[in-house]
PDB file of N, CA and C in Angstrom:
ATOM      1  N   MET A   1       0.839  -1.167   0.000  1.00  0.00           N
ATOM      2  CA  MET A   1       0.000   0.000   0.000  1.00  0.00           C
ATOM      3  C   MET A   1       0.890   1.239   0.000  1.00  0.00           C
ATOM      4  N   PRO A   2       1.010   1.924  -1.129  1.00  0.00           N
ATOM      5  CA  PRO A   2       1.814   3.137  -1.162  1.00  0.00           C
ATOM      6  C   PRO A   2       1.087   4.316  -0.508  1.00  0.00           C
ATOM      7  N   ILE A   3       1.864   5.126   0.178  1.00  0.00           N
ATOM      8  CA  ILE A   3       1.376   6.390   0.726  1.00  0.00           C
ATOM      9  C   ILE A   3       2.307   7.473   0.187  1.00  0.00           C
ATOM     10  N   VAL A   4       1.737   8.406  -0.520  1.00  0.00           N
ATOM     11  CA  VAL A   4       2.507   9.487  -1.117  1.00  0.00           C
ATOM     12  C   VAL A   4       2.100  10.791  -0.443  1.00  0.00           C
ATOM     13  N   THR A   5       3.089  11.566  -0.025  1.00  0.00           N
ATOM     14  CA  THR A   5       2.816  12.878   0.551  1.00  0.00           C
ATOM     15  C   THR A   5       3.343  13.942  -0.404  1.00  0.00           C
ATOM     16  N   ILE A   6       2.470  14.862  -0.754  1.00  0.00           N
ATOM     17  CA  ILE A   6       2.828  15.981  -1.621  1.00  0.00           C
ATOM     18  C   ILE A   6       2.755  17.240  -0.776  1.00  0.00           C
ATOM     19  N   GLN A   7       3.824  18.008  -0.754  1.00  0.00           N
ATOM     20  CA  GLN A   7       3.807  19.280  -0.044  1.00  0.00           C
ATOM     21  C   GLN A   7       3.784  20.397  -1.073  1.00  0.00           C
ATOM     22  N   VAL A   8       2.847  21.304  -0.891  1.00  0.00           N
ATOM     23  CA  VAL A   8       2.744  22.477  -1.754  1.00  0.00           C
ATOM     24  C   VAL A   8       2.673  23.709  -0.868  1.00  0.00           C
ATOM     25  N   THR A   9       3.127  24.827  -1.391  1.00  0.00           N
ATOM     26  CA  THR A   9       3.027  26.055  -0.613  1.00  0.00           C
ATOM     27  C   THR A   9       1.592  26.559  -0.639  1.00  0.00           C
ATOM     28  N   ARG A  10       1.187  27.140   0.464  1.00  0.00           N
ATOM     29  CA  ARG A  10      -0.157  27.696   0.560  1.00  0.00           C
ATOM     30  C   ARG A  10      -0.117  29.119   0.024  1.00  0.00           C
ATOM     31  N   GLU A  11      -0.076  29.228  -1.296  1.00  0.00           N
ATOM     32  CA  GLU A  11      -0.108  30.543  -1.916  1.00  0.00           C
ATOM     33  C   GLU A  11      -0.864  30.528  -3.223  1.00  0.00           C
ATOM     34  N   GLY A  12      -1.388  29.385  -3.619  1.00  0.00           N
ATOM     35  CA  GLY A  12      -2.205  29.334  -4.819  1.00  0.00           C
ATOM     36  C   GLY A  12      -1.400  29.392  -6.100  1.00  0.00           C
ATOM     37  N   THR A  13      -2.103  29.225  -7.183  1.00  0.00           N
ATOM     38  CA  THR A  13      -1.457  29.213  -8.491  1.00  0.00           C
ATOM     39  C   THR A  13      -1.787  30.466  -9.292  1.00  0.00           C
ATOM     40  N   ALA A  14      -2.487  31.393  -8.662  1.00  0.00           N
ATOM     41  CA  ALA A  14      -2.811  32.677  -9.289  1.00  0.00           C
ATOM     42  C   ALA A  14      -2.925  33.711  -8.166  1.00  0.00           C
ATOM     43  N   PRO A  15      -2.723  34.996  -8.480  1.00  0.00           N
ATOM     44  CA  PRO A  15      -2.756  36.029  -7.441  1.00  0.00           C
ATOM     45  C   PRO A  15      -4.068  36.095  -6.657  1.00  0.00           C
ATOM     46  N   ASP A  16      -5.168  35.721  -7.273  1.00  0.00           N
ATOM     47  CA  ASP A  16      -6.463  35.824  -6.600  1.00  0.00           C
ATOM     48  C   ASP A  16      -6.834  34.588  -5.797  1.00  0.00           C
ATOM     49  N   ARG A  17      -5.925  33.613  -5.707  1.00  0.00           N
ATOM     50  CA  ARG A  17      -6.213  32.381  -4.969  1.00  0.00           C
ATOM     51  C   ARG A  17      -5.239  32.206  -3.814  1.00  0.00           C
ATOM     52  N   PRO A  18      -5.755  32.015  -2.587  1.00  0.00           N
ATOM     53  CA  PRO A  18      -4.868  31.877  -1.431  1.00  0.00           C
ATOM     54  C   PRO A  18      -4.285  30.477  -1.256  1.00  0.00           C
ATOM     55  N   SER A  19      -4.772  29.509  -2.015  1.00  0.00           N
ATOM     56  CA  SER A  19      -4.244  28.152  -1.883  1.00  0.00           C
ATOM     57  C   SER A  19      -4.534  27.364  -3.158  1.00  0.00           C
ATOM     58  N   VAL A  20      -4.036  26.162  -3.195  1.00  0.00           N
ATOM     59  CA  VAL A  20      -4.305  25.258  -4.313  1.00  0.00           C
ATOM     60  C   VAL A  20      -5.797  24.922  -4.287  1.00  0.00           C
ATOM     61  N   THR A  21      -6.430  24.896  -5.445  1.00  0.00           N
ATOM     62  CA  THR A  21      -7.874  24.642  -5.488  1.00  0.00           C
ATOM     63  C   THR A  21      -8.183  23.159  -5.292  1.00  0.00           C
ATOM     64  N   ALA A  22      -9.418  22.877  -4.959  1.00  0.00           N
ATOM     65  CA  ALA A  22      -9.862  21.484  -4.813  1.00  0.00           C
ATOM     66  C   ALA A  22      -9.686  20.728  -6.122  1.00  0.00           C
ATOM     67  N   GLU A  23      -9.921  21.386  -7.237  1.00  0.00           N
ATOM     68  CA  GLU A  23      -9.755  20.736  -8.544  1.00  0.00           C
ATOM     69  C   GLU A  23      -8.295  20.397  -8.811  1.00  0.00           C
ATOM     70  N   GLU A  24      -7.389  21.306  -8.447  1.00  0.00           N
ATOM     71  CA  GLU A  24      -5.955  21.039  -8.620  1.00  0.00           C
ATOM     72  C   GLU A  24      -5.512  19.882  -7.739  1.00  0.00           C
ATOM     73  N   LYS A  25      -6.016  19.854  -6.497  1.00  0.00           N
ATOM     74  CA  LYS A  25      -5.673  18.753  -5.596  1.00  0.00           C
ATOM     75  C   LYS A  25      -6.189  17.432  -6.137  1.00  0.00           C
ATOM     76  N   ALA A  26      -7.407  17.419  -6.668  1.00  0.00           N
ATOM     77  CA  ALA A  26      -7.962  16.198  -7.247  1.00  0.00           C
ATOM     78  C   ALA A  26      -7.112  15.718  -8.425  1.00  0.00           C
ATOM     79  N   ALA A  27      -6.634  16.660  -9.234  1.00  0.00           N
ATOM     80  CA  ALA A  27      -5.777  16.286 -10.369  1.00  0.00           C
ATOM     81  C   ALA A  27      -4.450  15.711  -9.890  1.00  0.00           C
ATOM     82  N   LEU A  28      -3.872  16.291  -8.826  1.00  0.00           N
ATOM     83  CA  LEU A  28      -2.637  15.742  -8.260  1.00  0.00           C
ATOM     84  C   LEU A  28      -2.851  14.312  -7.763  1.00  0.00           C
ATOM     85  N   ILE A  29      -3.936  14.102  -7.034  1.00  0.00           N
ATOM     86  CA  ILE A  29      -4.233  12.767  -6.502  1.00  0.00           C
ATOM     87  C   ILE A  29      -4.402  11.760  -7.632  1.00  0.00           C
ATOM     88  N   ALA A  30      -5.175  12.127  -8.645  1.00  0.00           N
ATOM     89  CA  ALA A  30      -5.395  11.220  -9.776  1.00  0.00           C
ATOM     90  C   ALA A  30      -4.090  10.943 -10.517  1.00  0.00           C
ATOM     91  N   GLY A  31      -3.308  11.980 -10.759  1.00  0.00           N
ATOM     92  CA  GLY A  31      -2.070  11.804 -11.519  1.00  0.00           C
ATOM     93  C   GLY A  31      -1.046  10.941 -10.803  1.00  0.00           C
ATOM     94  N   VAL A  32      -0.838  11.199  -9.520  1.00  0.00           N
ATOM     95  CA  VAL A  32       0.123  10.408  -8.743  1.00  0.00           C
ATOM     96  C   VAL A  32      -0.345   8.958  -8.652  1.00  0.00           C
ATOM     97  N   SER A  33      -1.625   8.761  -8.441  1.00  0.00           N
ATOM     98  CA  SER A  33      -2.162   7.399  -8.351  1.00  0.00           C
ATOM     99  C   SER A  33      -1.965   6.647  -9.665  1.00  0.00           C
ATOM    100  N   GLU A  34      -2.184   7.343 -10.783  1.00  0.00           N
ATOM    101  CA  GLU A  34      -1.986   6.717 -12.097  1.00  0.00           C
ATOM    102  C   GLU A  34      -0.523   6.344 -12.329  1.00  0.00           C
ATOM    103  N   VAL A  35       0.402   7.193 -11.897  1.00  0.00           N
ATOM    104  CA  VAL A  35       1.829   6.888 -12.041  1.00  0.00           C
ATOM    105  C   VAL A  35       2.181   5.630 -11.251  1.00  0.00           C
ATOM    106  N   LEU A  36       1.690   5.513 -10.027  1.00  0.00           N
ATOM    107  CA  LEU A  36       1.981   4.324  -9.226  1.00  0.00           C
ATOM    108  C   LEU A  36       1.359   3.069  -9.832  1.00  0.00           C
ATOM    109  N   LEU A  37       0.201   3.224 -10.434  1.00  0.00           N
ATOM    110  CA  LEU A  37      -0.416   2.091 -11.125  1.00  0.00           C
ATOM    111  C   LEU A  37       0.442   1.675 -12.319  1.00  0.00           C
ATOM    112  N   ARG A  38       0.835   2.650 -13.119  1.00  0.00           N
ATOM    113  CA  ARG A  38       1.596   2.366 -14.343  1.00  0.00           C
ATOM    114  C   ARG A  38       3.011   1.868 -14.048  1.00  0.00           C
ATOM    115  N   VAL A  39       3.694   2.486 -13.106  1.00  0.00           N
ATOM    116  CA  VAL A  39       5.105   2.161 -12.861  1.00  0.00           C
ATOM    117  C   VAL A  39       5.266   0.969 -11.922  1.00  0.00           C
ATOM    118  N   LEU A  40       4.483   0.942 -10.839  1.00  0.00           N
ATOM    119  CA  LEU A  40       4.660  -0.102  -9.824  1.00  0.00           C
ATOM    120  C   LEU A  40       3.532  -1.126  -9.789  1.00  0.00           C
ATOM    121  N   ASN A  41       2.557  -0.958 -10.684  1.00  0.00           N
ATOM    122  CA  ASN A  41       1.405  -1.859 -10.740  1.00  0.00           C
ATOM    123  C   ASN A  41       0.621  -1.881  -9.422  1.00  0.00           C
ATOM    124  N   LYS A  42       0.539  -0.720  -8.768  1.00  0.00           N
ATOM    125  CA  LYS A  42      -0.206  -0.596  -7.511  1.00  0.00           C
ATOM    126  C   LYS A  42      -1.640  -0.188  -7.832  1.00  0.00           C
ATOM    127  N   PRO A  43      -2.616  -0.950  -7.376  1.00  0.00           N
ATOM    128  CA  PRO A  43      -4.007  -0.615  -7.681  1.00  0.00           C
ATOM    129  C   PRO A  43      -4.401   0.747  -7.109  1.00  0.00           C
ATOM    130  N   LEU A  44      -5.270   1.441  -7.836  1.00  0.00           N
ATOM    131  CA  LEU A  44      -5.715   2.753  -7.387  1.00  0.00           C
ATOM    132  C   LEU A  44      -6.316   2.705  -5.991  1.00  0.00           C
ATOM    133  N   GLU A  45      -7.072   1.647  -5.704  1.00  0.00           N
ATOM    134  CA  GLU A  45      -7.757   1.575  -4.413  1.00  0.00           C
ATOM    135  C   GLU A  45      -6.819   1.294  -3.245  1.00  0.00           C
ATOM    136  N   SER A  46      -5.559   0.994  -3.517  1.00  0.00           N
ATOM    137  CA  SER A  46      -4.626   0.771  -2.408  1.00  0.00           C
ATOM    138  C   SER A  46      -3.583   1.888  -2.295  1.00  0.00           C
ATOM    139  N   THR A  47      -3.771   2.955  -3.059  1.00  0.00           N
ATOM    140  CA  THR A  47      -2.832   4.069  -3.041  1.00  0.00           C
ATOM    141  C   THR A  47      -3.443   5.244  -2.286  1.00  0.00           C
ATOM    142  N   PHE A  48      -2.700   5.743  -1.314  1.00  0.00           N
ATOM    143  CA  PHE A  48      -3.131   6.889  -0.527  1.00  0.00           C
ATOM    144  C   PHE A  48      -2.266   8.084  -0.884  1.00  0.00           C
ATOM    145  N   VAL A  49      -2.888   9.227  -1.104  1.00  0.00           N
ATOM    146  CA  VAL A  49      -2.171  10.459  -1.411  1.00  0.00           C
ATOM    147  C   VAL A  49      -2.586  11.511  -0.387  1.00  0.00           C
ATOM    148  N   VAL A  50      -1.590  12.103   0.259  1.00  0.00           N
ATOM    149  CA  VAL A  50      -1.820  13.149   1.251  1.00  0.00           C
ATOM    150  C   VAL A  50      -1.227  14.441   0.709  1.00  0.00           C
ATOM    151  N   ILE A  51      -2.015  15.494   0.711  1.00  0.00           N
ATOM    152  CA  ILE A  51      -1.529  16.796   0.270  1.00  0.00           C
ATOM    153  C   ILE A  51      -1.422  17.696   1.496  1.00  0.00           C
ATOM    154  N   GLU A  52      -0.222  18.194   1.726  1.00  0.00           N
ATOM    155  CA  GLU A  52       0.029  19.113   2.841  1.00  0.00           C
ATOM    156  C   GLU A  52       0.312  20.493   2.270  1.00  0.00           C
ATOM    157  N   GLU A  53      -0.413  21.478   2.746  1.00  0.00           N
ATOM    158  CA  GLU A  53      -0.155  22.850   2.336  1.00  0.00           C
ATOM    159  C   GLU A  53       0.705  23.522   3.408  1.00  0.00           C
ATOM    160  N   VAL A  54       1.800  24.112   2.982  1.00  0.00           N
ATOM    161  CA  VAL A  54       2.759  24.727   3.897  1.00  0.00           C
ATOM    162  C   VAL A  54       2.663  26.241   3.751  1.00  0.00           C
ATOM    163  N   ASP A  55       2.383  26.928   4.863  1.00  0.00           N
ATOM    164  CA  ASP A  55       2.368  28.392   4.839  1.00  0.00           C
ATOM    165  C   ASP A  55       3.749  28.920   4.488  1.00  0.00           C
ATOM    166  N   THR A  56       3.793  30.021   3.775  1.00  0.00           N
ATOM    167  CA  THR A  56       5.095  30.584   3.408  1.00  0.00           C
ATOM    168  C   THR A  56       5.907  30.992   4.631  1.00  0.00           C
ATOM    169  N   ASP A  57       5.252  31.236   5.771  1.00  0.00           N
ATOM    170  CA  ASP A  57       5.975  31.538   7.008  1.00  0.00           C
ATOM    171  C   ASP A  57       6.743  30.330   7.537  1.00  0.00           C
ATOM    172  N   ASN A  58       6.399  29.147   7.060  1.00  0.00           N
ATOM    173  CA  ASN A  58       6.940  27.918   7.641  1.00  0.00           C
ATOM    174  C   ASN A  58       7.991  27.226   6.786  1.00  0.00           C
ATOM    175  N   TRP A  59       8.585  27.935   5.853  1.00  0.00           N
ATOM    176  CA  TRP A  59       9.684  27.326   5.109  1.00  0.00           C
ATOM    177  C   TRP A  59      10.637  28.412   4.621  1.00  0.00           C
ATOM    178  N   GLY A  60      11.834  27.986   4.341  1.00  0.00           N
ATOM    179  CA  GLY A  60      12.858  28.923   3.919  1.00  0.00           C
ATOM    180  C   GLY A  60      13.679  28.374   2.775  1.00  0.00           C
ATOM    181  N   TRP A  61      14.515  29.259   2.240  1.00  0.00           N
ATOM    182  CA  TRP A  61      15.324  28.919   1.077  1.00  0.00           C
ATOM    183  C   TRP A  61      16.564  29.797   1.136  1.00  0.00           C
ATOM    184  N   GLY A  62      17.687  29.236   0.911  1.00  0.00           N
ATOM    185  CA  GLY A  62      18.914  30.024   0.888  1.00  0.00           C
ATOM    186  C   GLY A  62      19.247  30.688   2.214  1.00  0.00           C
ATOM    187  N   GLY A  63      18.810  30.083   3.319  1.00  0.00           N
ATOM    188  CA  GLY A  63      19.102  30.624   4.634  1.00  0.00           C
ATOM    189  C   GLY A  63      18.163  31.734   5.086  1.00  0.00           C
ATOM    190  N   LEU A  64      17.099  31.977   4.329  1.00  0.00           N
ATOM    191  CA  LEU A  64      16.158  33.044   4.649  1.00  0.00           C
ATOM    192  C   LEU A  64      14.727  32.512   4.595  1.00  0.00           C
ATOM    193  N   PRO A  65      13.798  33.198   5.286  1.00  0.00           N
ATOM    194  CA  PRO A  65      12.398  32.875   5.042  1.00  0.00           C
ATOM    195  C   PRO A  65      12.109  33.078   3.547  1.00  0.00           C
ATOM    196  N   VAL A  66      11.283  32.249   2.978  1.00  0.00           N
ATOM    197  CA  VAL A  66      11.133  32.218   1.525  1.00  0.00           C
ATOM    198  C   VAL A  66      10.717  33.559   0.924  1.00  0.00           C
ATOM    199  N   LEU A  67       9.845  34.305   1.593  1.00  0.00           N
ATOM    200  CA  LEU A  67       9.431  35.588   1.023  1.00  0.00           C
ATOM    201  C   LEU A  67      10.587  36.574   0.992  1.00  0.00           C
ATOM    202  N   ASP A  68      11.453  36.551   2.010  1.00  0.00           N
ATOM    203  CA  ASP A  68      12.654  37.392   2.008  1.00  0.00           C
ATOM    204  C   ASP A  68      13.604  36.967   0.899  1.00  0.00           C
ATOM    205  N   TYR A  69      13.766  35.674   0.734  1.00  0.00           N
ATOM    206  CA  TYR A  69      14.654  35.172  -0.322  1.00  0.00           C
ATOM    207  C   TYR A  69      14.159  35.616  -1.696  1.00  0.00           C
ATOM    208  N   ARG A  70      12.862  35.502  -1.921  1.00  0.00           N
ATOM    209  CA  ARG A  70      12.302  35.913  -3.216  1.00  0.00           C
ATOM    210  C   ARG A  70      12.501  37.409  -3.452  1.00  0.00           C
ATOM    211  N   ARG A  71      12.300  38.227  -2.411  1.00  0.00           N
ATOM    212  CA  ARG A  71      12.506  39.674  -2.565  1.00  0.00           C
ATOM    213  C   ARG A  71      13.972  39.972  -2.897  1.00  0.00           C
ATOM    214  N   GLN A  72      14.876  39.311  -2.199  1.00  0.00           N
ATOM    215  CA  GLN A  72      16.305  39.497  -2.427  1.00  0.00           C
ATOM    216  C   GLN A  72      16.664  39.103  -3.863  1.00  0.00           C
ATOM    217  N   ARG A  73      16.145  37.996  -4.291  1.00  0.00           N
ATOM    218  CA  ARG A  73      16.427  37.505  -5.645  1.00  0.00           C
ATOM    219  C   ARG A  73      15.860  38.443  -6.712  1.00  0.00           C
ATOM    220  N   ALA A  74      14.645  38.954  -6.476  1.00  0.00           N
ATOM    221  CA  ALA A  74      14.021  39.871  -7.434  1.00  0.00           C
ATOM    222  C   ALA A  74      14.802  41.178  -7.528  1.00  0.00           C
ATOM    223  N   ALA A  75      15.382  41.615  -6.415  1.00  0.00           N
ATOM    224  CA  ALA A  75      16.140  42.866  -6.412  1.00  0.00           C
ATOM    225  C   ALA A  75      17.423  42.733  -7.224  1.00  0.00           C
ATOM    226  N   LYS A  76      17.937  41.527  -7.370  1.00  0.00           N
ATOM    227  CA  LYS A  76      19.178  41.300  -8.120  1.00  0.00           C
ATOM    228  C   LYS A  76      18.949  41.260  -9.622  1.00  0.00           C
ATOM    229  N   LYS A  77      17.716  41.116 -10.028  1.00  0.00           N
ATOM    230  CA  LYS A  77      17.423  41.019 -11.481  1.00  0.00           C
ATOM    231  C   LYS A  77      17.386  42.352 -12.146  1.00  0.00           C
TER     232      LYS A  77
END
């Protein structure tokens, strides 16, 4: 029984969306499940997919909180 955990940032895929939509999450679940079926021959009904949304306050990149890192990177362009 495979268990797959997908972590995504809680910021959405467009400026007007605060998080990943239910439709996007459903597509992720279906797609990952299909890959496990195709590659490992794991039945869809035995595959569990967990989606965790991570607030931007709770992760960092390059030694900085991610929003600070992005601002720093944008200033260099």
